[in-house]
Amino acid sequence: MLRQGGRFVGMYNHPDHLVELWSLVTAPVWDEDPFGCETGPALLRRHFARVERREAVTEAMWETKGAAQTFLDAFAELIGPLTAPDGPYPLKATRRNCVLIAEK
């Protein structure tokens, strides 16, 4: 619970975050998030006086298949084993995030 004058800050992925990578390695596995970039601001406005959404679009790059595999291995417990695509490398994907800031 935040005190009066407190600030909430959270970073969330858009549904198409790293889509260039995910489309090469698996069918969609992420359920629609009930709280995220699209729905979060309206939900936060119920409890906060001021809500701001900042977009963050950058690029991720894996130089080699091994580097991509290391990244994908981090998801094994969450969605099962994944295999990095054969290429071409470097493999680039667009990071699409938002930062939600809410103040009491």
PDB file of N, CA and C in Angstrom:
ATOM      1  N   MET A   1       0.841  -1.165   0.000  1.00  0.00           N
ATOM      2  CA  MET A   1       0.000   0.000   0.000  1.00  0.00           C
ATOM      3  C   MET A   1       0.895   1.240   0.000  1.00  0.00           C
ATOM      4  N   LEU A   2       0.558   2.201  -0.827  1.00  0.00           N
ATOM      5  CA  LEU A   2       1.320   3.449  -0.899  1.00  0.00           C
ATOM      6  C   LEU A   2       0.708   4.505   0.002  1.00  0.00           C
ATOM      7  N   ARG A   3       1.566   5.289   0.594  1.00  0.00           N
ATOM      8  CA  ARG A   3       1.109   6.435   1.380  1.00  0.00           C
ATOM      9  C   ARG A   3       0.688   7.561   0.455  1.00  0.00           C
ATOM     10  N   GLN A   4      -0.048   8.520   0.989  1.00  0.00           N
ATOM     11  CA  GLN A   4      -0.373   9.727   0.232  1.00  0.00           C
ATOM     12  C   GLN A   4       0.937  10.366  -0.221  1.00  0.00           C
ATOM     13  N   GLY A   5       1.024  10.739  -1.475  1.00  0.00           N
ATOM     14  CA  GLY A   5       2.252  11.289  -2.025  1.00  0.00           C
ATOM     15  C   GLY A   5       3.197  10.223  -2.555  1.00  0.00           C
ATOM     16  N   GLY A   6       2.834   8.933  -2.387  1.00  0.00           N
ATOM     17  CA  GLY A   6       3.666   7.845  -2.867  1.00  0.00           C
ATOM     18  C   GLY A   6       3.577   7.709  -4.381  1.00  0.00           C
ATOM     19  N   ARG A   7       4.523   6.969  -4.942  1.00  0.00           N
ATOM     20  CA  ARG A   7       4.588   6.795  -6.399  1.00  0.00           C
ATOM     21  C   ARG A   7       4.751   5.311  -6.736  1.00  0.00           C
ATOM     22  N   PHE A   8       3.964   4.876  -7.685  1.00  0.00           N
ATOM     23  CA  PHE A   8       4.049   3.529  -8.240  1.00  0.00           C
ATOM     24  C   PHE A   8       4.742   3.637  -9.595  1.00  0.00           C
ATOM     25  N   VAL A   9       5.718   2.777  -9.847  1.00  0.00           N
ATOM     26  CA  VAL A   9       6.383   2.726 -11.149  1.00  0.00           C
ATOM     27  C   VAL A   9       6.498   1.254 -11.536  1.00  0.00           C
ATOM     28  N   GLY A  10       6.029   0.940 -12.741  1.00  0.00           N
ATOM     29  CA  GLY A  10       6.120  -0.434 -13.223  1.00  0.00           C
ATOM     30  C   GLY A  10       6.426  -0.455 -14.706  1.00  0.00           C
ATOM     31  N   MET A  11       7.189  -1.453 -15.146  1.00  0.00           N
ATOM     32  CA  MET A  11       7.530  -1.606 -16.560  1.00  0.00           C
ATOM     33  C   MET A  11       6.870  -2.874 -17.076  1.00  0.00           C
ATOM     34  N   TYR A  12       6.236  -2.761 -18.237  1.00  0.00           N
ATOM     35  CA  TYR A  12       5.464  -3.866 -18.801  1.00  0.00           C
ATOM     36  C   TYR A  12       5.792  -4.043 -20.269  1.00  0.00           C
ATOM     37  N   ASN A  13       5.620  -5.259 -20.765  1.00  0.00           N
ATOM     38  CA  ASN A  13       5.849  -5.558 -22.172  1.00  0.00           C
ATOM     39  C   ASN A  13       4.555  -5.390 -22.958  1.00  0.00           C
ATOM     40  N   HIS A  14       4.668  -4.829 -24.159  1.00  0.00           N
ATOM     41  CA  HIS A  14       3.546  -4.817 -25.085  1.00  0.00           C
ATOM     42  C   HIS A  14       3.356  -6.238 -25.611  1.00  0.00           C
ATOM     43  N   PRO A  15       2.169  -6.573 -26.114  1.00  0.00           N
ATOM     44  CA  PRO A  15       1.949  -7.920 -26.653  1.00  0.00           C
ATOM     45  C   PRO A  15       2.909  -8.287 -27.788  1.00  0.00           C
ATOM     46  N   ASP A  16       3.407  -7.308 -28.537  1.00  0.00           N
ATOM     47  CA  ASP A  16       4.326  -7.609 -29.646  1.00  0.00           C
ATOM     48  C   ASP A  16       5.795  -7.382 -29.288  1.00  0.00           C
ATOM     49  N   HIS A  17       6.105  -7.403 -28.009  1.00  0.00           N
ATOM     50  CA  HIS A  17       7.488  -7.281 -27.525  1.00  0.00           C
ATOM     51  C   HIS A  17       8.316  -8.458 -28.059  1.00  0.00           C
ATOM     52  N   LEU A  18       9.402  -8.170 -28.725  1.00  0.00           N
ATOM     53  CA  LEU A  18      10.328  -9.163 -29.286  1.00  0.00           C
ATOM     54  C   LEU A  18       9.638 -10.136 -30.259  1.00  0.00           C
ATOM     55  N   VAL A  19       8.606  -9.652 -30.942  1.00  0.00           N
ATOM     56  CA  VAL A  19       7.822 -10.520 -31.827  1.00  0.00           C
ATOM     57  C   VAL A  19       8.680 -11.154 -32.923  1.00  0.00           C
ATOM     58  N   GLU A  20       9.704 -10.468 -33.381  1.00  0.00           N
ATOM     59  CA  GLU A  20      10.560 -11.023 -34.430  1.00  0.00           C
ATOM     60  C   GLU A  20      11.248 -12.308 -33.965  1.00  0.00           C
ATOM     61  N   LEU A  21      11.640 -12.362 -32.707  1.00  0.00           N
ATOM     62  CA  LEU A  21      12.247 -13.573 -32.151  1.00  0.00           C
ATOM     63  C   LEU A  21      11.192 -14.626 -31.857  1.00  0.00           C
ATOM     64  N   TRP A  22      10.157 -14.237 -31.108  1.00  0.00           N
ATOM     65  CA  TRP A  22       9.156 -15.214 -30.676  1.00  0.00           C
ATOM     66  C   TRP A  22       8.471 -15.884 -31.863  1.00  0.00           C
ATOM     67  N   SER A  23       8.244 -15.165 -32.946  1.00  0.00           N
ATOM     68  CA  SER A  23       7.579 -15.766 -34.108  1.00  0.00           C
ATOM     69  C   SER A  23       8.443 -16.844 -34.773  1.00  0.00           C
ATOM     70  N   LEU A  24       9.738 -16.818 -34.534  1.00  0.00           N
ATOM     71  CA  LEU A  24      10.643 -17.817 -35.106  1.00  0.00           C
ATOM     72  C   LEU A  24      10.794 -19.063 -34.247  1.00  0.00           C
ATOM     73  N   VAL A  25      10.448 -18.966 -32.963  1.00  0.00           N
ATOM     74  CA  VAL A  25      10.745 -20.090 -32.068  1.00  0.00           C
ATOM     75  C   VAL A  25       9.527 -20.789 -31.480  1.00  0.00           C
ATOM     76  N   THR A  26       8.362 -20.147 -31.475  1.00  0.00           N
ATOM     77  CA  THR A  26       7.219 -20.787 -30.827  1.00  0.00           C
ATOM     78  C   THR A  26       5.921 -20.138 -31.275  1.00  0.00           C
ATOM     79  N   ALA A  27       4.856 -20.877 -31.128  1.00  0.00           N
ATOM     80  CA  ALA A  27       3.529 -20.301 -31.322  1.00  0.00           C
ATOM     81  C   ALA A  27       3.280 -19.359 -30.149  1.00  0.00           C
ATOM     82  N   PRO A  28       2.351 -18.429 -30.271  1.00  0.00           N
ATOM     83  CA  PRO A  28       2.095 -17.521 -29.141  1.00  0.00           C
ATOM     84  C   PRO A  28       1.798 -18.301 -27.862  1.00  0.00           C
ATOM     85  N   VAL A  29       2.494 -17.917 -26.809  1.00  0.00           N
ATOM     86  CA  VAL A  29       2.337 -18.624 -25.534  1.00  0.00           C
ATOM     87  C   VAL A  29       1.883 -17.698 -24.415  1.00  0.00           C
ATOM     88  N   TRP A  30       1.894 -16.417 -24.657  1.00  0.00           N
ATOM     89  CA  TRP A  30       1.559 -15.485 -23.594  1.00  0.00           C
ATOM     90  C   TRP A  30       0.064 -15.215 -23.597  1.00  0.00           C
ATOM     91  N   ASP A  31      -0.551 -15.414 -22.468  1.00  0.00           N
ATOM     92  CA  ASP A  31      -1.951 -15.042 -22.322  1.00  0.00           C
ATOM     93  C   ASP A  31      -2.035 -13.525 -22.293  1.00  0.00           C
ATOM     94  N   GLU A  32      -3.180 -13.013 -22.682  1.00  0.00           N
ATOM     95  CA  GLU A  32      -3.361 -11.571 -22.612  1.00  0.00           C
ATOM     96  C   GLU A  32      -3.305 -11.153 -21.149  1.00  0.00           C
ATOM     97  N   ASP A  33      -2.470 -10.188 -20.868  1.00  0.00           N
ATOM     98  CA  ASP A  33      -2.256  -9.729 -19.501  1.00  0.00           C
ATOM     99  C   ASP A  33      -3.415  -8.835 -19.073  1.00  0.00           C
ATOM    100  N   PRO A  34      -4.071  -9.149 -17.956  1.00  0.00           N
ATOM    101  CA  PRO A  34      -5.166  -8.289 -17.507  1.00  0.00           C
ATOM    102  C   PRO A  34      -4.688  -6.919 -17.020  1.00  0.00           C
ATOM    103  N   PHE A  35      -3.385  -6.789 -16.784  1.00  0.00           N
ATOM    104  CA  PHE A  35      -2.810  -5.507 -16.386  1.00  0.00           C
ATOM    105  C   PHE A  35      -1.537  -5.312 -17.188  1.00  0.00           C
ATOM    106  N   GLY A  36      -1.523  -4.313 -18.034  1.00  0.00           N
ATOM    107  CA  GLY A  36      -0.351  -4.070 -18.859  1.00  0.00           C
ATOM    108  C   GLY A  36      -0.402  -2.694 -19.476  1.00  0.00           C
ATOM    109  N   CYS A  37       0.310  -2.529 -20.569  1.00  0.00           N
ATOM    110  CA  CYS A  37       0.428  -1.216 -21.219  1.00  0.00           C
ATOM    111  C   CYS A  37      -0.917  -0.649 -21.638  1.00  0.00           C
ATOM    112  N   GLU A  38      -1.799  -1.502 -22.141  1.00  0.00           N
ATOM    113  CA  GLU A  38      -3.081  -1.014 -22.638  1.00  0.00           C
ATOM    114  C   GLU A  38      -4.107  -0.828 -21.522  1.00  0.00           C
ATOM    115  N   THR A  39      -4.177  -1.758 -20.612  1.00  0.00           N
ATOM    116  CA  THR A  39      -5.220  -1.731 -19.579  1.00  0.00           C
ATOM    117  C   THR A  39      -4.786  -1.050 -18.285  1.00  0.00           C
ATOM    118  N   GLY A  40      -3.478  -1.028 -18.032  1.00  0.00           N
ATOM    119  CA  GLY A  40      -2.964  -0.503 -16.768  1.00  0.00           C
ATOM    120  C   GLY A  40      -3.356   0.925 -16.434  1.00  0.00           C
ATOM    121  N   PRO A  41      -3.233   1.882 -17.379  1.00  0.00           N
ATOM    122  CA  PRO A  41      -3.565   3.266 -17.025  1.00  0.00           C
ATOM    123  C   PRO A  41      -4.993   3.435 -16.502  1.00  0.00           C
ATOM    124  N   ALA A  42      -5.972   2.833 -17.146  1.00  0.00           N
ATOM    125  CA  ALA A  42      -7.360   2.974 -16.687  1.00  0.00           C
ATOM    126  C   ALA A  42      -7.552   2.347 -15.313  1.00  0.00           C
ATOM    127  N   LEU A  43      -6.922   1.199 -15.086  1.00  0.00           N
ATOM    128  CA  LEU A  43      -7.037   0.554 -13.780  1.00  0.00           C
ATOM    129  C   LEU A  43      -6.365   1.382 -12.689  1.00  0.00           C
ATOM    130  N   LEU A  44      -5.219   1.964 -13.000  1.00  0.00           N
ATOM    131  CA  LEU A  44      -4.523   2.785 -12.003  1.00  0.00           C
ATOM    132  C   LEU A  44      -5.288   4.063 -11.679  1.00  0.00           C
ATOM    133  N   ARG A  45      -5.974   4.619 -12.667  1.00  0.00           N
ATOM    134  CA  ARG A  45      -6.719   5.871 -12.433  1.00  0.00           C
ATOM    135  C   ARG A  45      -7.820   5.702 -11.391  1.00  0.00           C
ATOM    136  N   ARG A  46      -8.225   4.491 -11.135  1.00  0.00           N
ATOM    137  CA  ARG A  46      -9.231   4.235 -10.087  1.00  0.00           C
ATOM    138  C   ARG A  46      -8.688   4.546  -8.694  1.00  0.00           C
ATOM    139  N   HIS A  47      -7.340   4.505  -8.566  1.00  0.00           N
ATOM    140  CA  HIS A  47      -6.732   4.610  -7.233  1.00  0.00           C
ATOM    141  C   HIS A  47      -5.692   5.714  -7.105  1.00  0.00           C
ATOM    142  N   PHE A  48      -5.324   6.333  -8.220  1.00  0.00           N
ATOM    143  CA  PHE A  48      -4.262   7.336  -8.199  1.00  0.00           C
ATOM    144  C   PHE A  48      -4.749   8.636  -8.823  1.00  0.00           C
ATOM    145  N   ALA A  49      -4.225   9.735  -8.297  1.00  0.00           N
ATOM    146  CA  ALA A  49      -4.612  11.059  -8.787  1.00  0.00           C
ATOM    147  C   ALA A  49      -4.017  11.356 -10.162  1.00  0.00           C
ATOM    148  N   ARG A  50      -2.815  10.869 -10.416  1.00  0.00           N
ATOM    149  CA  ARG A  50      -2.146  11.144 -11.685  1.00  0.00           C
ATOM    150  C   ARG A  50      -1.507   9.858 -12.207  1.00  0.00           C
ATOM    151  N   VAL A  51      -1.743   9.572 -13.478  1.00  0.00           N
ATOM    152  CA  VAL A  51      -1.181   8.376 -14.117  1.00  0.00           C
ATOM    153  C   VAL A  51      -0.538   8.793 -15.429  1.00  0.00           C
ATOM    154  N   GLU A  52       0.666   8.298 -15.655  1.00  0.00           N
ATOM    155  CA  GLU A  52       1.394   8.609 -16.877  1.00  0.00           C
ATOM    156  C   GLU A  52       1.901   7.305 -17.495  1.00  0.00           C
ATOM    157  N   ARG A  53       1.846   7.231 -18.821  1.00  0.00           N
ATOM    158  CA  ARG A  53       2.368   6.080 -19.549  1.00  0.00           C
ATOM    159  C   ARG A  53       3.460   6.575 -20.485  1.00  0.00           C
ATOM    160  N   ARG A  54       4.645   6.002 -20.349  1.00  0.00           N
ATOM    161  CA  ARG A  54       5.774   6.355 -21.217  1.00  0.00           C
ATOM    162  C   ARG A  54       6.140   5.138 -22.052  1.00  0.00           C
ATOM    163  N   GLU A  55       6.267   5.361 -23.343  1.00  0.00           N
ATOM    164  CA  GLU A  55       6.629   4.281 -24.254  1.00  0.00           C
ATOM    165  C   GLU A  55       8.150   4.129 -24.311  1.00  0.00           C
ATOM    166  N   ALA A  56       8.594   2.919 -24.438  1.00  0.00           N
ATOM    167  CA  ALA A  56      10.021   2.628 -24.578  1.00  0.00           C
ATOM    168  C   ALA A  56      10.172   1.613 -25.709  1.00  0.00           C
ATOM    169  N   VAL A  57      10.727   2.060 -26.823  1.00  0.00           N
ATOM    170  CA  VAL A  57      10.950   1.170 -27.967  1.00  0.00           C
ATOM    171  C   VAL A  57      12.439   1.179 -28.277  1.00  0.00           C
ATOM    172  N   THR A  58      13.037   0.007 -28.187  1.00  0.00           N
ATOM    173  CA  THR A  58      14.466  -0.151 -28.450  1.00  0.00           C
ATOM    174  C   THR A  58      14.663  -1.431 -29.261  1.00  0.00           C
ATOM    175  N   GLU A  59      15.882  -1.862 -29.368  1.00  0.00           N
ATOM    176  CA  GLU A  59      16.167  -3.064 -30.139  1.00  0.00           C
ATOM    177  C   GLU A  59      17.055  -4.000 -29.333  1.00  0.00           C
ATOM    178  N   ALA A  60      16.758  -5.276 -29.425  1.00  0.00           N
ATOM    179  CA  ALA A  60      17.611  -6.302 -28.837  1.00  0.00           C
ATOM    180  C   ALA A  60      18.323  -7.005 -29.983  1.00  0.00           C
ATOM    181  N   MET A  61      19.527  -7.480 -29.722  1.00  0.00           N
ATOM    182  CA  MET A  61      20.273  -8.156 -30.775  1.00  0.00           C
ATOM    183  C   MET A  61      21.069  -9.310 -30.176  1.00  0.00           C
ATOM    184  N   TRP A  62      21.022 -10.440 -30.851  1.00  0.00           N
ATOM    185  CA  TRP A  62      21.813 -11.596 -30.483  1.00  0.00           C
ATOM    186  C   TRP A  62      22.804 -11.824 -31.612  1.00  0.00           C
ATOM    187  N   GLU A  63      24.088 -11.792 -31.295  1.00  0.00           N
ATOM    188  CA  GLU A  63      25.145 -11.924 -32.302  1.00  0.00           C
ATOM    189  C   GLU A  63      25.239 -13.327 -32.895  1.00  0.00           C
ATOM    190  N   THR A  64      24.927 -14.345 -32.061  1.00  0.00           N
ATOM    191  CA  THR A  64      25.092 -15.732 -32.490  1.00  0.00           C
ATOM    192  C   THR A  64      23.888 -16.566 -32.060  1.00  0.00           C
ATOM    193  N   LYS A  65      23.776 -17.734 -32.641  1.00  0.00           N
ATOM    194  CA  LYS A  65      22.719 -18.664 -32.224  1.00  0.00           C
ATOM    195  C   LYS A  65      22.891 -19.044 -30.756  1.00  0.00           C
ATOM    196  N   GLY A  66      24.130 -19.190 -30.319  1.00  0.00           N
ATOM    197  CA  GLY A  66      24.395 -19.512 -28.911  1.00  0.00           C
ATOM    198  C   GLY A  66      23.898 -18.428 -27.967  1.00  0.00           C
ATOM    199  N   ALA A  67      24.081 -17.191 -28.345  1.00  0.00           N
ATOM    200  CA  ALA A  67      23.596 -16.087 -27.511  1.00  0.00           C
ATOM    201  C   ALA A  67      22.073 -16.088 -27.446  1.00  0.00           C
ATOM    202  N   ALA A  68      21.419 -16.327 -28.578  1.00  0.00           N
ATOM    203  CA  ALA A  68      19.961 -16.403 -28.591  1.00  0.00           C
ATOM    204  C   ALA A  68      19.475 -17.578 -27.751  1.00  0.00           C
ATOM    205  N   GLN A  69      20.189 -18.701 -27.829  1.00  0.00           N
ATOM    206  CA  GLN A  69      19.805 -19.870 -27.050  1.00  0.00           C
ATOM    207  C   GLN A  69      19.917 -19.600 -25.554  1.00  0.00           C
ATOM    208  N   THR A  70      20.956 -18.912 -25.152  1.00  0.00           N
ATOM    209  CA  THR A  70      21.117 -18.564 -23.736  1.00  0.00           C
ATOM    210  C   THR A  70      19.931 -17.730 -23.254  1.00  0.00           C
ATOM    211  N   PHE A  71      19.508 -16.764 -24.059  1.00  0.00           N
ATOM    212  CA  PHE A  71      18.342 -15.944 -23.718  1.00  0.00           C
ATOM    213  C   PHE A  71      17.094 -16.821 -23.606  1.00  0.00           C
ATOM    214  N   LEU A  72      16.866 -17.674 -24.579  1.00  0.00           N
ATOM    215  CA  LEU A  72      15.668 -18.519 -24.590  1.00  0.00           C
ATOM    216  C   LEU A  72      15.662 -19.530 -23.448  1.00  0.00           C
ATOM    217  N   ASP A  73      16.825 -19.997 -23.051  1.00  0.00           N
ATOM    218  CA  ASP A  73      16.906 -20.954 -21.943  1.00  0.00           C
ATOM    219  C   ASP A  73      16.335 -20.391 -20.647  1.00  0.00           C
ATOM    220  N   ALA A  74      16.337 -19.075 -20.514  1.00  0.00           N
ATOM    221  CA  ALA A  74      15.788 -18.454 -19.305  1.00  0.00           C
ATOM    222  C   ALA A  74      14.276 -18.667 -19.194  1.00  0.00           C
ATOM    223  N   PHE A  75      13.614 -19.053 -20.275  1.00  0.00           N
ATOM    224  CA  PHE A  75      12.167 -19.241 -20.279  1.00  0.00           C
ATOM    225  C   PHE A  75      11.760 -20.703 -20.132  1.00  0.00           C
ATOM    226  N   ALA A  76      12.722 -21.608 -20.009  1.00  0.00           N
ATOM    227  CA  ALA A  76      12.442 -23.046 -19.988  1.00  0.00           C
ATOM    228  C   ALA A  76      11.458 -23.444 -18.889  1.00  0.00           C
ATOM    229  N   GLU A  77      11.625 -22.940 -17.692  1.00  0.00           N
ATOM    230  CA  GLU A  77      10.725 -23.312 -16.605  1.00  0.00           C
ATOM    231  C   GLU A  77       9.341 -22.708 -16.788  1.00  0.00           C
ATOM    232  N   LEU A  78       9.266 -21.587 -17.461  1.00  0.00           N
ATOM    233  CA  LEU A  78       7.994 -20.895 -17.649  1.00  0.00           C
ATOM    234  C   LEU A  78       7.164 -21.496 -18.776  1.00  0.00           C
ATOM    235  N   ILE A  79       7.792 -21.756 -19.940  1.00  0.00           N
ATOM    236  CA  ILE A  79       7.030 -22.226 -21.102  1.00  0.00           C
ATOM    237  C   ILE A  79       7.598 -23.476 -21.751  1.00  0.00           C
ATOM    238  N   GLY A  80       8.658 -24.037 -21.195  1.00  0.00           N
ATOM    239  CA  GLY A  80       9.249 -25.240 -21.767  1.00  0.00           C
ATOM    240  C   GLY A  80      10.465 -24.912 -22.613  1.00  0.00           C
ATOM    241  N   PRO A  81      11.172 -25.950 -23.055  1.00  0.00           N
ATOM    242  CA  PRO A  81      12.397 -25.728 -23.828  1.00  0.00           C
ATOM    243  C   PRO A  81      12.093 -25.101 -25.189  1.00  0.00           C
ATOM    244  N   LEU A  82      12.956 -24.206 -25.591  1.00  0.00           N
ATOM    245  CA  LEU A  82      12.862 -23.527 -26.886  1.00  0.00           C
ATOM    246  C   LEU A  82      14.192 -23.666 -27.599  1.00  0.00           C
ATOM    247  N   THR A  83      14.163 -23.646 -28.916  1.00  0.00           N
ATOM    248  CA  THR A  83      15.381 -23.759 -29.713  1.00  0.00           C
ATOM    249  C   THR A  83      15.573 -22.483 -30.513  1.00  0.00           C
ATOM    250  N   ALA A  84      16.753 -21.911 -30.411  1.00  0.00           N
ATOM    251  CA  ALA A  84      17.069 -20.690 -31.153  1.00  0.00           C
ATOM    252  C   ALA A  84      16.990 -20.963 -32.649  1.00  0.00           C
ATOM    253  N   PRO A  85      16.513 -19.979 -33.414  1.00  0.00           N
ATOM    254  CA  PRO A  85      16.436 -20.162 -34.872  1.00  0.00           C
ATOM    255  C   PRO A  85      17.830 -20.291 -35.483  1.00  0.00           C
ATOM    256  N   ASP A  86      17.892 -20.880 -36.662  1.00  0.00           N
ATOM    257  CA  ASP A  86      19.170 -21.078 -37.343  1.00  0.00           C
ATOM    258  C   ASP A  86      19.781 -19.784 -37.866  1.00  0.00           C
ATOM    259  N   GLY A  87      18.999 -18.762 -38.019  1.00  0.00           N
ATOM    260  CA  GLY A  87      19.584 -17.499 -38.456  1.00  0.00           C
ATOM    261  C   GLY A  87      18.696 -16.777 -39.420  1.00  0.00           C
ATOM    262  N   PRO A  88      19.153 -15.749 -40.028  1.00  0.00           N
ATOM    263  CA  PRO A  88      20.532 -15.242 -40.019  1.00  0.00           C
ATOM    264  C   PRO A  88      20.860 -14.470 -38.740  1.00  0.00           C
ATOM    265  N   TYR A  89      22.131 -14.416 -38.436  1.00  0.00           N
ATOM    266  CA  TYR A  89      22.645 -13.663 -37.290  1.00  0.00           C
ATOM    267  C   TYR A  89      23.568 -12.579 -37.793  1.00  0.00           C
ATOM    268  N   PRO A  90      23.637 -11.463 -37.103  1.00  0.00           N
ATOM    269  CA  PRO A  90      22.947 -11.164 -35.852  1.00  0.00           C
ATOM    270  C   PRO A  90      21.436 -11.102 -36.065  1.00  0.00           C
ATOM    271  N   LEU A  91      20.710 -11.535 -35.051  1.00  0.00           N
ATOM    272  CA  LEU A  91      19.256 -11.527 -35.047  1.00  0.00           C
ATOM    273  C   LEU A  91      18.801 -10.327 -34.229  1.00  0.00           C
ATOM    274  N   LYS A  92      17.954  -9.522 -34.822  1.00  0.00           N
ATOM    275  CA  LYS A  92      17.462  -8.319 -34.140  1.00  0.00           C
ATOM    276  C   LYS A  92      15.963  -8.444 -33.898  1.00  0.00           C
ATOM    277  N   ALA A  93      15.518  -7.908 -32.771  1.00  0.00           N
ATOM    278  CA  ALA A  93      14.094  -7.893 -32.424  1.00  0.00           C
ATOM    279  C   ALA A  93      13.786  -6.582 -31.715  1.00  0.00           C
ATOM    280  N   THR A  94      12.578  -6.103 -31.912  1.00  0.00           N
ATOM    281  CA  THR A  94      12.164  -4.827 -31.331  1.00  0.00           C
ATOM    282  C   THR A  94      11.599  -5.037 -29.936  1.00  0.00           C
ATOM    283  N   ARG A  95      12.204  -4.332 -28.989  1.00  0.00           N
ATOM    284  CA  ARG A  95      11.702  -4.333 -27.609  1.00  0.00           C
ATOM    285  C   ARG A  95      10.615  -3.268 -27.524  1.00  0.00           C
ATOM    286  N   ARG A  96       9.429  -3.663 -27.125  1.00  0.00           N
ATOM    287  CA  ARG A  96       8.313  -2.724 -26.973  1.00  0.00           C
ATOM    288  C   ARG A  96       7.797  -2.820 -25.549  1.00  0.00           C
ATOM    289  N   ASN A  97       8.068  -1.786 -24.795  1.00  0.00           N
ATOM    290  CA  ASN A  97       7.689  -1.745 -23.387  1.00  0.00           C
ATOM    291  C   ASN A  97       6.979  -0.430 -23.090  1.00  0.00           C
ATOM    292  N   CYS A  98       6.397  -0.380 -21.933  1.00  0.00           N
ATOM    293  CA  CYS A  98       5.888   0.888 -21.429  1.00  0.00           C
ATOM    294  C   CYS A  98       6.235   0.973 -19.957  1.00  0.00           C
ATOM    295  N   VAL A  99       6.346   2.184 -19.491  1.00  0.00           N
ATOM    296  CA  VAL A  99       6.553   2.441 -18.067  1.00  0.00           C
ATOM    297  C   VAL A  99       5.316   3.169 -17.581  1.00  0.00           C
ATOM    298  N   LEU A 100       4.683   2.632 -16.556  1.00  0.00           N
ATOM    299  CA  LEU A 100       3.511   3.264 -15.965  1.00  0.00           C
ATOM    300  C   LEU A 100       3.942   3.921 -14.662  1.00  0.00           C
ATOM    301  N   ILE A 101       3.581   5.170 -14.516  1.00  0.00           N
ATOM    302  CA  ILE A 101       3.916   5.944 -13.317  1.00  0.00           C
ATOM    303  C   ILE A 101       2.608   6.483 -12.750  1.00  0.00           C
ATOM    304  N   ALA A 102       2.358   6.221 -11.504  1.00  0.00           N
ATOM    305  CA  ALA A 102       1.129   6.676 -10.869  1.00  0.00           C
ATOM    306  C   ALA A 102       1.470   7.308  -9.529  1.00  0.00           C
ATOM    307  N   GLU A 103       0.835   8.437  -9.246  1.00  0.00           N
ATOM    308  CA  GLU A 103       1.078   9.143  -7.986  1.00  0.00           C
ATOM    309  C   GLU A 103      -0.213   9.305  -7.226  1.00  0.00           C
ATOM    310  N   LYS A 104      -0.136   9.113  -5.913  1.00  0.00           N
ATOM    311  CA  LYS A 104      -1.290   9.276  -5.013  1.00  0.00           C
ATOM    312  C   LYS A 104      -1.654  10.725  -4.901  1.00  0.00           C
TER     313      LYS A 104
END
